[in-house]
Structures are given as structure tokens and as C-alpha cells.
């Protein structure tokens, strides 16, 4: 099995996973529907989960050659059997398992090992070679239990909305659905949500995810004391306008794994990625013979895997070698 890193992860030159550009590949896997993972064209065959397919067509455009799959459903390629498995990142997000004649390769893509209000945690895939996302691959990244963060968010919302208005910032796909559920299920408040969030909420609900009651933003801010928006729109200028319009003090919060507060009143440590300990747990339980790290602190995490777990590891993106065959 020839497996290389070149404009995405590529098998036998004609099958790519999350390539930076889809043109030139006969077959492409899209692991999830965040914009930086979605490159479409009219010629390639696109493989993804049913949920990811629905999100892509709701957010972007129709996919000409869509091959939507159930989790764990196997399909064949000349180099082996492929299956998609829940990664716990967002709705429909997938890990990729490639079972070849000589070795099994698992690619986590973005993942987390905590259940959320809207998403089950990732399944750990035993493998010979592991390609693992390492966004938060330093020991300083340790996220609290989600239940505790949810309770903190709900308590903060209830306190601030007694006399004020709350703006919650969360990425429109993934984090915003969690925030919607926190508001409705834990704080007992029906929030107003931005149009982009409303569309994604509806796709989540079409797959049985319960989010509760919420309102689409449409000149109706006085119908709730909470507004959920993408962080790209929750700028200080807008918050000032809201304060003048509503004649209420505005408190804002951002749900993110990053520690940069910016101009928000509050930061809640809520991430859709694995923290350092979750990354180590995944490697331990997958029991690979070789680990390749990707994204974020890939070099540092590879070093920790070698020192703490005694497993050969190296950052895939920084290596001068392109073919993984050269690593074995």
C-alpha cells in the first residue's frame, strides 16, 4: 500500500483524504463539513458520511458524484478496504480506517474523546500505523469535563440575563449547536440564533439531535435575552450597536479551546478537538507500531509519543519524505 502526504493524504495516487484541492484525484474522502476540509469539483467521486453529505449540500452546493456512507460500512479500493468511523468532532465527522493486505492505517482527522450534548465521542481504532491530529499537542492544553463547562455556561447565562443581554460566540457548525442545547436544556432559555447557525441546527435535528426551541434571527432580539452568533460577526462594534438598540448592557462569551480572550467578557474552555491527555489516550489504546502527527503542535507531540509511550513518531507535514513507505 503506497501512502503519501502531498496535498492531503493520498493512497496510490488516485485516492485523497481532505486534499487542499480535489482536482486531479479520482476519489476523495471529505472527513467533515468545515470549510477548510471541503474542496469540490464535478469530476471526482466524493466519499463522506451521510451527515457530512447533508451538511455540505446545505452549506455549500450539490455534490455531483456523492458516495455517502454509513459509519463502519466498508467499501473497496485496489489497495484495501475503507470504512468511516465517528470522530466526535462535529455531526458526521469521520475517521478513516484503511485495511490493506499487510497493514491497517487509521487517520483520525479532527476528533475528541468526550461526549457532548450533541455528539458522541470518537471511537478509538486499533491500527498498525496511526495518523493523528495534534492541534492541542502540548501538556498545557487540558480541557475540563464538558458537563462542568456546560453548568458554568448555564449559570453565567442565567446570572447575566437577569438584567442584561448575552451574546454567545461559537463556530456556526459544531460549537453553536452545543450552545443552543446548553441554552435550551440547562438554562431553560430559547435563544435567537444567526441564520447560518439556524440552517446547521436544522440538519442536526434531521439526524435526531435534540436542540430544543430556538428562534432564527429576524429583527426579533426582544424575543429572547440570548443571541448565538459566529465569532466572526460578534465584533465590538456590533455589540455596541446592540447595546444602544436594546438599551441593555451586553455581556459576551466565546466558547473555544484557545486561551485568547479577545474582547469578550468571558471565555469558556469548550473545544471540539482532543486535548493533550486525550491524544495520548488515543495512541495508547490504538496500539500502533508507528505514529504520524498532523496539524498544530505536531513536532512536539511526536516527541512526547516517543518519550512517554516508546512508539516511533514524527510530524508528517514537516518531513522531507513524502511516501510513508520510507518510514517503515
C-alpha atoms as a PDB file:
ATOM      1  CA  UNK A   1       0.000   0.000   0.000  1.00  0.00           C
ATOM      2  CA  UNK A   2       1.602   3.265  -1.125  1.00  0.00           C
ATOM      3  CA  UNK A   3       0.504   6.041   1.215  1.00  0.00           C
ATOM      4  CA  UNK A   4       1.883   9.564   0.896  1.00  0.00           C
ATOM      5  CA  UNK A   5       1.375  13.106   2.145  1.00  0.00           C
ATOM      6  CA  UNK A   6       1.085  15.506  -0.745  1.00  0.00           C
ATOM      7  CA  UNK A   7      -1.791  17.975  -0.965  1.00  0.00           C
ATOM      8  CA  UNK A   8      -3.619  15.854   1.592  1.00  0.00           C
ATOM      9  CA  UNK A   9      -3.200  12.175   2.421  1.00  0.00           C
ATOM     10  CA  UNK A  10      -3.001  10.157  -0.800  1.00  0.00           C
ATOM     11  CA  UNK A  11      -3.304   6.407  -1.450  1.00  0.00           C
ATOM     12  CA  UNK A  12      -1.890   5.035  -4.702  1.00  0.00           C
ATOM     13  CA  UNK A  13      -2.043   8.497  -6.326  1.00  0.00           C
ATOM     14  CA  UNK A  14      -5.785   8.397  -7.037  1.00  0.00           C
ATOM     15  CA  UNK A  15      -7.441   8.486  -3.603  1.00  0.00           C
ATOM     16  CA  UNK A  16      -7.066  11.529  -1.342  1.00  0.00           C
ATOM     17  CA  UNK A  17      -8.314  12.379   2.142  1.00  0.00           C
ATOM     18  CA  UNK A  18      -9.166  16.055   2.738  1.00  0.00           C
ATOM     19  CA  UNK A  19      -6.957  17.368  -0.081  1.00  0.00           C
ATOM     20  CA  UNK A  20      -6.276  21.085  -0.328  1.00  0.00           C
ATOM     21  CA  UNK A  21      -7.571  20.831  -3.872  1.00  0.00           C
ATOM     22  CA  UNK A  22      -9.741  17.988  -5.144  1.00  0.00           C
ATOM     23  CA  UNK A  23      -8.879  18.361  -8.831  1.00  0.00           C
ATOM     24  CA  UNK A  24      -6.562  15.609 -10.008  1.00  0.00           C
ATOM     25  CA  UNK A  25      -7.906  12.839  -7.762  1.00  0.00           C
ATOM     26  CA  UNK A  26     -10.372  10.274  -8.981  1.00  0.00           C
ATOM     27  CA  UNK A  27     -11.617   9.563  -5.453  1.00  0.00           C
ATOM     28  CA  UNK A  28     -11.776  11.907  -2.461  1.00  0.00           C
ATOM     29  CA  UNK A  29     -12.824  11.452   1.157  1.00  0.00           C
ATOM     30  CA  UNK A  30     -14.127  14.535   2.954  1.00  0.00           C
ATOM     31  CA  UNK A  31     -13.913  13.826   6.675  1.00  0.00           C
ATOM     32  CA  UNK A  32     -16.285  16.609   7.790  1.00  0.00           C
ATOM     33  CA  UNK A  33     -18.100  19.717   6.629  1.00  0.00           C
ATOM     34  CA  UNK A  34     -15.908  22.529   7.986  1.00  0.00           C
ATOM     35  CA  UNK A  35     -14.901  24.808   5.125  1.00  0.00           C
ATOM     36  CA  UNK A  36     -11.158  24.077   5.344  1.00  0.00           C
ATOM     37  CA  UNK A  37     -11.851  20.395   4.623  1.00  0.00           C
ATOM     38  CA  UNK A  38     -14.287  20.826   1.716  1.00  0.00           C
ATOM     39  CA  UNK A  39     -12.964  21.133  -1.841  1.00  0.00           C
ATOM     40  CA  UNK A  40     -15.466  20.137  -4.518  1.00  0.00           C
ATOM     41  CA  UNK A  41     -15.468  19.614  -8.271  1.00  0.00           C
ATOM     42  CA  UNK A  42     -17.705  17.940 -10.835  1.00  0.00           C
ATOM     43  CA  UNK A  43     -15.374  15.036 -11.718  1.00  0.00           C
ATOM     44  CA  UNK A  44     -14.125  13.320  -8.560  1.00  0.00           C
ATOM     45  CA  UNK A  45     -16.055  10.689  -6.634  1.00  0.00           C
ATOM     46  CA  UNK A  46     -16.677  12.067  -3.148  1.00  0.00           C
ATOM     47  CA  UNK A  47     -16.976   9.782  -0.128  1.00  0.00           C
ATOM     48  CA  UNK A  48     -18.276  11.007   3.242  1.00  0.00           C
ATOM     49  CA  UNK A  49     -20.792  10.145   5.941  1.00  0.00           C
ATOM     50  CA  UNK A  50     -24.497  10.736   5.279  1.00  0.00           C
ATOM     51  CA  UNK A  51     -24.480  13.546   7.833  1.00  0.00           C
ATOM     52  CA  UNK A  52     -21.493  15.262   6.240  1.00  0.00           C
ATOM     53  CA  UNK A  53     -23.146  14.951   2.831  1.00  0.00           C
ATOM     54  CA  UNK A  54     -26.264  16.729   4.133  1.00  0.00           C
ATOM     55  CA  UNK A  55     -24.249  19.485   5.804  1.00  0.00           C
ATOM     56  CA  UNK A  56     -22.146  20.096   2.686  1.00  0.00           C
ATOM     57  CA  UNK A  57     -25.192  20.396   0.439  1.00  0.00           C
ATOM     58  CA  UNK A  58     -26.900  22.686   2.970  1.00  0.00           C
ATOM     59  CA  UNK A  59     -23.845  24.927   3.429  1.00  0.00           C
ATOM     60  CA  UNK A  60     -22.177  24.929   0.019  1.00  0.00           C
ATOM     61  CA  UNK A  61     -23.536  23.202  -3.082  1.00  0.00           C
ATOM     62  CA  UNK A  62     -24.823  19.952  -4.519  1.00  0.00           C
ATOM     63  CA  UNK A  63     -22.173  17.253  -4.918  1.00  0.00           C
ATOM     64  CA  UNK A  64     -22.176  15.759  -8.409  1.00  0.00           C
ATOM     65  CA  UNK A  65     -20.679  12.350  -7.595  1.00  0.00           C
ATOM     66  CA  UNK A  66     -21.628  11.786  -3.969  1.00  0.00           C
ATOM     67  CA  UNK A  67     -20.955   8.415  -2.322  1.00  0.00           C
ATOM     68  CA  UNK A  68     -22.490   8.838   1.134  1.00  0.00           C
ATOM     69  CA  UNK A  69     -21.706   6.039   3.595  1.00  0.00           C
ATOM     70  CA  UNK A  70     -22.867   4.838   6.970  1.00  0.00           C
ATOM     71  CA  UNK A  71     -20.288   4.667   9.730  1.00  0.00           C
ATOM     72  CA  UNK A  72     -18.423   1.310   9.641  1.00  0.00           C
ATOM     73  CA  UNK A  73     -19.764   0.495   6.158  1.00  0.00           C
ATOM     74  CA  UNK A  74     -16.838  -0.895   4.145  1.00  0.00           C
ATOM     75  CA  UNK A  75     -16.088  -0.099   0.516  1.00  0.00           C
ATOM     76  CA  UNK A  76     -13.275  -1.469  -1.620  1.00  0.00           C
ATOM     77  CA  UNK A  77     -10.359   0.174  -3.368  1.00  0.00           C
ATOM     78  CA  UNK A  78      -7.470  -1.634  -5.105  1.00  0.00           C
ATOM     79  CA  UNK A  79      -5.211  -1.033  -2.088  1.00  0.00           C
ATOM     80  CA  UNK A  80      -7.666  -2.199   0.597  1.00  0.00           C
ATOM     81  CA  UNK A  81     -10.989  -1.919   2.415  1.00  0.00           C
ATOM     82  CA  UNK A  82     -12.022   1.527   3.648  1.00  0.00           C
ATOM     83  CA  UNK A  83     -14.511   2.460   6.341  1.00  0.00           C
ATOM     84  CA  UNK A  84     -15.541   5.688   8.072  1.00  0.00           C
ATOM     85  CA  UNK A  85     -15.897   5.925  11.857  1.00  0.00           C
ATOM     86  CA  UNK A  86     -17.242   8.649  14.141  1.00  0.00           C
ATOM     87  CA  UNK A  87     -14.537  11.132  15.197  1.00  0.00           C
ATOM     88  CA  UNK A  88     -16.643  13.041  17.747  1.00  0.00           C
ATOM     89  CA  UNK A  89     -15.648  16.404  16.231  1.00  0.00           C
ATOM     90  CA  UNK A  90     -18.954  17.619  14.734  1.00  0.00           C
ATOM     91  CA  UNK A  91     -22.029  15.945  13.238  1.00  0.00           C
ATOM     92  CA  UNK A  92     -20.909  13.341  10.706  1.00  0.00           C
ATOM     93  CA  UNK A  93     -17.195  13.908  11.220  1.00  0.00           C
ATOM     94  CA  UNK A  94     -15.231  10.824  10.275  1.00  0.00           C
ATOM     95  CA  UNK A  95     -12.056   8.979  10.971  1.00  0.00           C
ATOM     96  CA  UNK A  96     -10.795   6.842   8.111  1.00  0.00           C
ATOM     97  CA  UNK A  97      -9.673   3.227   8.508  1.00  0.00           C
ATOM     98  CA  UNK A  98      -7.780   1.630   5.624  1.00  0.00           C
ATOM     99  CA  UNK A  99      -7.321  -2.139   5.908  1.00  0.00           C
ATOM    100  CA  UNK A 100      -4.680  -3.307   3.465  1.00  0.00           C
ATOM    101  CA  UNK A 101      -3.229  -6.766   2.945  1.00  0.00           C
ATOM    102  CA  UNK A 102      -0.127  -6.047   5.032  1.00  0.00           C
ATOM    103  CA  UNK A 103      -1.115  -3.244   7.413  1.00  0.00           C
ATOM    104  CA  UNK A 104      -4.005  -1.190   8.745  1.00  0.00           C
ATOM    105  CA  UNK A 105      -3.822   2.608   8.694  1.00  0.00           C
ATOM    106  CA  UNK A 106      -6.085   4.854  10.790  1.00  0.00           C
ATOM    107  CA  UNK A 107      -6.455   8.584  10.112  1.00  0.00           C
ATOM    108  CA  UNK A 108      -8.237  10.417  12.935  1.00  0.00           C
ATOM    109  CA  UNK A 109      -8.779  13.767  11.216  1.00  0.00           C
ATOM    110  CA  UNK A 110     -10.171  16.246  13.803  1.00  0.00           C
ATOM    111  CA  UNK A 111     -11.501  14.360  16.841  1.00  0.00           C
ATOM    112  CA  UNK A 112     -12.272  14.444  20.566  1.00  0.00           C
ATOM    113  CA  UNK A 113     -12.746  11.804  23.263  1.00  0.00           C
ATOM    114  CA  UNK A 114     -15.521  13.471  25.253  1.00  0.00           C
ATOM    115  CA  UNK A 115     -19.254  13.044  24.725  1.00  0.00           C
ATOM    116  CA  UNK A 116     -21.122  16.320  24.251  1.00  0.00           C
ATOM    117  CA  UNK A 117     -24.771  17.301  24.388  1.00  0.00           C
ATOM    118  CA  UNK A 118     -24.968  16.859  20.616  1.00  0.00           C
ATOM    119  CA  UNK A 119     -22.199  14.386  19.715  1.00  0.00           C
ATOM    120  CA  UNK A 120     -20.771  11.050  20.837  1.00  0.00           C
ATOM    121  CA  UNK A 121     -17.018  10.836  21.437  1.00  0.00           C
ATOM    122  CA  UNK A 122     -14.648   9.270  18.903  1.00  0.00           C
ATOM    123  CA  UNK A 123     -14.214   5.556  18.531  1.00  0.00           C
ATOM    124  CA  UNK A 124     -10.577   4.523  19.008  1.00  0.00           C
ATOM    125  CA  UNK A 125      -9.354   2.480  16.031  1.00  0.00           C
ATOM    126  CA  UNK A 126      -6.650  -0.168  16.612  1.00  0.00           C
ATOM    127  CA  UNK A 127      -4.123   0.013  13.774  1.00  0.00           C
ATOM    128  CA  UNK A 128      -0.571  -0.598  12.619  1.00  0.00           C
ATOM    129  CA  UNK A 129       0.021   2.998  11.528  1.00  0.00           C
ATOM    130  CA  UNK A 130      -1.765   5.980  13.063  1.00  0.00           C
ATOM    131  CA  UNK A 131      -2.068   9.443  11.528  1.00  0.00           C
ATOM    132  CA  UNK A 132      -3.327  11.598  14.387  1.00  0.00           C
ATOM    133  CA  UNK A 133      -4.452  15.221  14.531  1.00  0.00           C
ATOM    134  CA  UNK A 134      -2.312  17.052  17.115  1.00  0.00           C
ATOM    135  CA  UNK A 135      -3.809  20.553  17.294  1.00  0.00           C
ATOM    136  CA  UNK A 136      -3.506  20.705  21.092  1.00  0.00           C
ATOM    137  CA  UNK A 137      -0.419  18.505  21.383  1.00  0.00           C
ATOM    138  CA  UNK A 138       1.178  20.201  24.406  1.00  0.00           C
ATOM    139  CA  UNK A 139       0.674  19.309  28.115  1.00  0.00           C
ATOM    140  CA  UNK A 140      -0.584  22.830  28.865  1.00  0.00           C
ATOM    141  CA  UNK A 141      -3.768  22.024  26.944  1.00  0.00           C
ATOM    142  CA  UNK A 142      -6.008  20.252  29.431  1.00  0.00           C
ATOM    143  CA  UNK A 143      -9.753  20.722  28.997  1.00  0.00           C
ATOM    144  CA  UNK A 144     -12.198  20.303  31.900  1.00  0.00           C
ATOM    145  CA  UNK A 145     -15.053  17.824  31.783  1.00  0.00           C
ATOM    146  CA  UNK A 146     -17.741  19.052  29.429  1.00  0.00           C
ATOM    147  CA  UNK A 147     -20.512  18.660  31.997  1.00  0.00           C
ATOM    148  CA  UNK A 148     -18.747  21.107  34.319  1.00  0.00           C
ATOM    149  CA  UNK A 149     -18.284  23.630  31.494  1.00  0.00           C
ATOM    150  CA  UNK A 150     -21.942  23.305  30.495  1.00  0.00           C
ATOM    151  CA  UNK A 151     -23.024  24.001  34.064  1.00  0.00           C
ATOM    152  CA  UNK A 152     -20.728  27.022  34.244  1.00  0.00           C
ATOM    153  CA  UNK A 153     -22.102  28.421  30.973  1.00  0.00           C
ATOM    154  CA  UNK A 154     -25.734  27.915  32.050  1.00  0.00           C
ATOM    155  CA  UNK A 155     -25.110  29.528  35.444  1.00  0.00           C
ATOM    156  CA  UNK A 156     -23.383  32.501  33.795  1.00  0.00           C
ATOM    157  CA  UNK A 157     -26.216  32.935  31.277  1.00  0.00           C
ATOM    158  CA  UNK A 158     -28.893  32.860  33.983  1.00  0.00           C
ATOM    159  CA  UNK A 159     -26.991  35.392  36.086  1.00  0.00           C
ATOM    160  CA  UNK A 160     -26.296  37.855  33.259  1.00  0.00           C
ATOM    161  CA  UNK A 161     -29.750  37.694  31.662  1.00  0.00           C
ATOM    162  CA  UNK A 162     -31.486  38.861  34.851  1.00  0.00           C
ATOM    163  CA  UNK A 163     -30.844  42.471  33.827  1.00  0.00           C
ATOM    164  CA  UNK A 164     -28.694  42.257  30.706  1.00  0.00           C
ATOM    165  CA  UNK A 165     -28.411  40.684  27.242  1.00  0.00           C
ATOM    166  CA  UNK A 166     -25.995  37.872  26.424  1.00  0.00           C
ATOM    167  CA  UNK A 167     -24.189  37.228  23.135  1.00  0.00           C
ATOM    168  CA  UNK A 168     -22.630  33.769  22.808  1.00  0.00           C
ATOM    169  CA  UNK A 169     -19.996  33.263  20.114  1.00  0.00           C
ATOM    170  CA  UNK A 170     -19.395  29.799  18.715  1.00  0.00           C
ATOM    171  CA  UNK A 171     -18.481  28.436  15.308  1.00  0.00           C
ATOM    172  CA  UNK A 172     -21.669  28.079  13.302  1.00  0.00           C
ATOM    173  CA  UNK A 173     -21.093  24.367  12.696  1.00  0.00           C
ATOM    174  CA  UNK A 174     -20.411  22.314  15.795  1.00  0.00           C
ATOM    175  CA  UNK A 175     -19.962  24.699  18.719  1.00  0.00           C
ATOM    176  CA  UNK A 176     -23.117  26.719  18.046  1.00  0.00           C
ATOM    177  CA  UNK A 177     -25.272  23.589  18.225  1.00  0.00           C
ATOM    178  CA  UNK A 178     -23.805  22.794  21.648  1.00  0.00           C
ATOM    179  CA  UNK A 179     -24.510  26.335  22.813  1.00  0.00           C
ATOM    180  CA  UNK A 180     -28.076  26.063  21.545  1.00  0.00           C
ATOM    181  CA  UNK A 181     -28.556  22.892  23.586  1.00  0.00           C
ATOM    182  CA  UNK A 182     -26.959  24.428  26.696  1.00  0.00           C
ATOM    183  CA  UNK A 183     -29.360  27.372  26.493  1.00  0.00           C
ATOM    184  CA  UNK A 184     -32.489  25.295  25.997  1.00  0.00           C
ATOM    185  CA  UNK A 185     -31.700  22.223  28.096  1.00  0.00           C
ATOM    186  CA  UNK A 186     -29.702  23.650  31.003  1.00  0.00           C
ATOM    187  CA  UNK A 187     -30.601  27.348  31.190  1.00  0.00           C
ATOM    188  CA  UNK A 188     -34.228  26.964  30.075  1.00  0.00           C
ATOM    189  CA  UNK A 189     -33.909  29.822  27.572  1.00  0.00           C
ATOM    190  CA  UNK A 190     -34.884  29.793  23.884  1.00  0.00           C
ATOM    191  CA  UNK A 191     -32.071  31.724  22.174  1.00  0.00           C
ATOM    192  CA  UNK A 192     -32.122  33.707  18.967  1.00  0.00           C
ATOM    193  CA  UNK A 193     -29.582  32.234  16.526  1.00  0.00           C
ATOM    194  CA  UNK A 194     -27.899  33.634  13.436  1.00  0.00           C
ATOM    195  CA  UNK A 195     -29.188  32.362  10.075  1.00  0.00           C
ATOM    196  CA  UNK A 196     -26.074  30.245   9.399  1.00  0.00           C
ATOM    197  CA  UNK A 197     -26.490  28.559  12.775  1.00  0.00           C
ATOM    198  CA  UNK A 198     -30.210  28.059  12.192  1.00  0.00           C
ATOM    199  CA  UNK A 199     -29.500  26.149   8.950  1.00  0.00           C
ATOM    200  CA  UNK A 200     -26.967  23.883  10.633  1.00  0.00           C
ATOM    201  CA  UNK A 201     -29.298  23.325  13.596  1.00  0.00           C
ATOM    202  CA  UNK A 202     -31.949  22.036  11.216  1.00  0.00           C
ATOM    203  CA  UNK A 203     -29.539  19.499   9.686  1.00  0.00           C
ATOM    204  CA  UNK A 204     -28.563  18.284  13.155  1.00  0.00           C
ATOM    205  CA  UNK A 205     -32.234  17.855  14.032  1.00  0.00           C
ATOM    206  CA  UNK A 206     -32.885  15.942  10.801  1.00  0.00           C
ATOM    207  CA  UNK A 207     -30.494  13.294  12.165  1.00  0.00           C
ATOM    208  CA  UNK A 208     -32.247  13.081  15.513  1.00  0.00           C
ATOM    209  CA  UNK A 209     -30.163  15.511  17.569  1.00  0.00           C
ATOM    210  CA  UNK A 210     -32.387  17.303  20.101  1.00  0.00           C
ATOM    211  CA  UNK A 211     -31.569  21.001  20.410  1.00  0.00           C
ATOM    212  CA  UNK A 212     -34.765  22.394  21.981  1.00  0.00           C
ATOM    213  CA  UNK A 213     -36.624  25.566  20.986  1.00  0.00           C
ATOM    214  CA  UNK A 214     -34.773  28.449  19.347  1.00  0.00           C
ATOM    215  CA  UNK A 215     -35.569  31.378  17.043  1.00  0.00           C
ATOM    216  CA  UNK A 216     -33.998  32.445  13.766  1.00  0.00           C
ATOM    217  CA  UNK A 217     -32.564  35.962  13.923  1.00  0.00           C
ATOM    218  CA  UNK A 218     -35.006  38.244  12.099  1.00  0.00           C
ATOM    219  CA  UNK A 219     -35.450  41.643  13.804  1.00  0.00           C
ATOM    220  CA  UNK A 220     -36.641  39.746  16.887  1.00  0.00           C
ATOM    221  CA  UNK A 221     -33.929  40.326  19.501  1.00  0.00           C
ATOM    222  CA  UNK A 222     -36.525  41.386  22.056  1.00  0.00           C
ATOM    223  CA  UNK A 223     -37.982  37.864  21.987  1.00  0.00           C
ATOM    224  CA  UNK A 224     -35.009  36.498  23.962  1.00  0.00           C
ATOM    225  CA  UNK A 225     -32.153  37.611  26.179  1.00  0.00           C
ATOM    226  CA  UNK A 226     -29.582  35.407  24.388  1.00  0.00           C
ATOM    227  CA  UNK A 227     -28.158  35.663  20.867  1.00  0.00           C
ATOM    228  CA  UNK A 228     -25.854  32.977  19.443  1.00  0.00           C
ATOM    229  CA  UNK A 229     -23.565  34.160  16.629  1.00  0.00           C
ATOM    230  CA  UNK A 230     -20.447  33.068  14.734  1.00  0.00           C
ATOM    231  CA  UNK A 231     -17.349  34.675  16.319  1.00  0.00           C
ATOM    232  CA  UNK A 232     -16.515  36.371  13.018  1.00  0.00           C
ATOM    233  CA  UNK A 233     -19.610  38.540  13.473  1.00  0.00           C
ATOM    234  CA  UNK A 234     -19.501  39.123  17.239  1.00  0.00           C
ATOM    235  CA  UNK A 235     -17.305  42.212  16.924  1.00  0.00           C
ATOM    236  CA  UNK A 236     -17.129  45.063  19.490  1.00  0.00           C
ATOM    237  CA  UNK A 237     -18.806  47.415  17.015  1.00  0.00           C
ATOM    238  CA  UNK A 238     -21.821  45.130  16.734  1.00  0.00           C
ATOM    239  CA  UNK A 239     -22.030  44.680  20.498  1.00  0.00           C
ATOM    240  CA  UNK A 240     -22.083  48.460  20.903  1.00  0.00           C
ATOM    241  CA  UNK A 241     -24.908  48.739  18.379  1.00  0.00           C
ATOM    242  CA  UNK A 242     -26.862  46.029  20.205  1.00  0.00           C
ATOM    243  CA  UNK A 243     -26.409  47.861  23.497  1.00  0.00           C
ATOM    244  CA  UNK A 244     -27.779  51.078  22.006  1.00  0.00           C
ATOM    245  CA  UNK A 245     -30.651  49.276  20.274  1.00  0.00           C
ATOM    246  CA  UNK A 246     -31.771  47.136  23.197  1.00  0.00           C
ATOM    247  CA  UNK A 247     -30.975  49.674  25.929  1.00  0.00           C
ATOM    248  CA  UNK A 248     -29.334  46.879  27.893  1.00  0.00           C
ATOM    249  CA  UNK A 249     -25.791  46.119  28.933  1.00  0.00           C
ATOM    250  CA  UNK A 250     -24.288  43.436  26.694  1.00  0.00           C
ATOM    251  CA  UNK A 251     -22.198  40.582  28.057  1.00  0.00           C
ATOM    252  CA  UNK A 252     -20.394  38.376  25.540  1.00  0.00           C
ATOM    253  CA  UNK A 253     -18.731  34.977  25.777  1.00  0.00           C
ATOM    254  CA  UNK A 254     -16.720  32.830  23.376  1.00  0.00           C
ATOM    255  CA  UNK A 255     -16.671  29.013  23.572  1.00  0.00           C
ATOM    256  CA  UNK A 256     -13.229  27.849  22.418  1.00  0.00           C
ATOM    257  CA  UNK A 257     -10.277  25.672  23.346  1.00  0.00           C
ATOM    258  CA  UNK A 258      -7.895  28.564  22.724  1.00  0.00           C
ATOM    259  CA  UNK A 259      -6.985  30.807  25.641  1.00  0.00           C
ATOM    260  CA  UNK A 260      -7.073  34.155  23.867  1.00  0.00           C
ATOM    261  CA  UNK A 261      -9.893  36.186  25.395  1.00  0.00           C
ATOM    262  CA  UNK A 262     -10.004  38.945  22.795  1.00  0.00           C
ATOM    263  CA  UNK A 263     -12.730  41.450  23.536  1.00  0.00           C
ATOM    264  CA  UNK A 264     -15.179  39.004  25.130  1.00  0.00           C
ATOM    265  CA  UNK A 265     -16.445  39.289  28.679  1.00  0.00           C
ATOM    266  CA  UNK A 266     -15.855  35.587  29.248  1.00  0.00           C
ATOM    267  CA  UNK A 267     -14.102  32.603  27.631  1.00  0.00           C
ATOM    268  CA  UNK A 268     -15.468  29.102  28.163  1.00  0.00           C
ATOM    269  CA  UNK A 269     -12.956  26.246  27.543  1.00  0.00           C
ATOM    270  CA  UNK A 270     -15.077  24.226  25.142  1.00  0.00           C
ATOM    271  CA  UNK A 271     -13.246  22.584  22.249  1.00  0.00           C
ATOM    272  CA  UNK A 272     -14.217  20.115  19.529  1.00  0.00           C
ATOM    273  CA  UNK A 273     -10.636  18.804  19.476  1.00  0.00           C
ATOM    274  CA  UNK A 274      -8.795  16.388  21.746  1.00  0.00           C
ATOM    275  CA  UNK A 275      -6.596  17.877  24.450  1.00  0.00           C
ATOM    276  CA  UNK A 276      -3.109  16.567  25.234  1.00  0.00           C
ATOM    277  CA  UNK A 277      -4.239  13.740  27.518  1.00  0.00           C
ATOM    278  CA  UNK A 278      -6.925  12.607  25.068  1.00  0.00           C
ATOM    279  CA  UNK A 279      -4.292  12.469  22.326  1.00  0.00           C
ATOM    280  CA  UNK A 280      -2.085  10.231  24.467  1.00  0.00           C
ATOM    281  CA  UNK A 281      -5.051   8.021  25.415  1.00  0.00           C
ATOM    282  CA  UNK A 282      -5.891   7.518  21.757  1.00  0.00           C
ATOM    283  CA  UNK A 283      -2.340   6.465  20.890  1.00  0.00           C
ATOM    284  CA  UNK A 284      -2.105   4.112  23.892  1.00  0.00           C
ATOM    285  CA  UNK A 285      -5.374   2.353  23.120  1.00  0.00           C
ATOM    286  CA  UNK A 286      -4.904   2.203  19.325  1.00  0.00           C
ATOM    287  CA  UNK A 287      -1.534   0.463  19.902  1.00  0.00           C
ATOM    288  CA  UNK A 288       0.084   1.448  16.600  1.00  0.00           C
ATOM    289  CA  UNK A 289       3.606   0.479  15.621  1.00  0.00           C
ATOM    290  CA  UNK A 290       4.171   3.905  14.042  1.00  0.00           C
ATOM    291  CA  UNK A 291       2.588   7.330  14.649  1.00  0.00           C
ATOM    292  CA  UNK A 292       2.438  10.320  12.318  1.00  0.00           C
ATOM    293  CA  UNK A 293       1.266  13.653  13.748  1.00  0.00           C
ATOM    294  CA  UNK A 294      -0.538  16.362  11.789  1.00  0.00           C
ATOM    295  CA  UNK A 295      -1.513  19.992  12.464  1.00  0.00           C
ATOM    296  CA  UNK A 296      -0.904  22.248  15.440  1.00  0.00           C
ATOM    297  CA  UNK A 297       1.893  21.090  17.739  1.00  0.00           C
ATOM    298  CA  UNK A 298       2.769  18.100  15.583  1.00  0.00           C
ATOM    299  CA  UNK A 299       6.518  18.145  16.199  1.00  0.00           C
ATOM    300  CA  UNK A 300       6.178  18.496  19.968  1.00  0.00           C
ATOM    301  CA  UNK A 301       3.511  15.823  20.273  1.00  0.00           C
ATOM    302  CA  UNK A 302       5.538  13.366  18.209  1.00  0.00           C
ATOM    303  CA  UNK A 303       8.343  13.848  20.723  1.00  0.00           C
ATOM    304  CA  UNK A 304       6.014  13.123  23.642  1.00  0.00           C
ATOM    305  CA  UNK A 305       4.739   9.953  21.957  1.00  0.00           C
ATOM    306  CA  UNK A 306       8.298   8.684  21.551  1.00  0.00           C
ATOM    307  CA  UNK A 307       9.440   9.604  25.079  1.00  0.00           C
ATOM    308  CA  UNK A 308       6.341   8.631  27.053  1.00  0.00           C
ATOM    309  CA  UNK A 309       4.999   5.706  25.040  1.00  0.00           C
ATOM    310  CA  UNK A 310       8.105   4.418  23.308  1.00  0.00           C
ATOM    311  CA  UNK A 311       6.416   4.396  19.896  1.00  0.00           C
ATOM    312  CA  UNK A 312       8.266   5.741  16.825  1.00  0.00           C
ATOM    313  CA  UNK A 313       6.592   9.021  15.838  1.00  0.00           C
ATOM    314  CA  UNK A 314       7.270  12.005  13.663  1.00  0.00           C
ATOM    315  CA  UNK A 315       5.410  15.025  12.238  1.00  0.00           C
ATOM    316  CA  UNK A 316       4.094  14.117   8.813  1.00  0.00           C
ATOM    317  CA  UNK A 317       3.873  17.613   7.358  1.00  0.00           C
ATOM    318  CA  UNK A 318       7.435  18.666   8.171  1.00  0.00           C
ATOM    319  CA  UNK A 319       9.176  15.526   6.941  1.00  0.00           C
ATOM    320  CA  UNK A 320      11.227  15.768   3.751  1.00  0.00           C
ATOM    321  CA  UNK A 321       9.989  12.288   2.805  1.00  0.00           C
ATOM    322  CA  UNK A 322       6.660  12.175   1.049  1.00  0.00           C
ATOM    323  CA  UNK A 323       5.923   8.461   0.984  1.00  0.00           C
ATOM    324  CA  UNK A 324       5.100   6.766   4.275  1.00  0.00           C
ATOM    325  CA  UNK A 325       6.746   3.652   2.872  1.00  0.00           C
ATOM    326  CA  UNK A 326      10.036   5.409   3.592  1.00  0.00           C
ATOM    327  CA  UNK A 327       9.228   5.494   7.308  1.00  0.00           C
ATOM    328  CA  UNK A 328       8.744   1.737   7.759  1.00  0.00           C
END
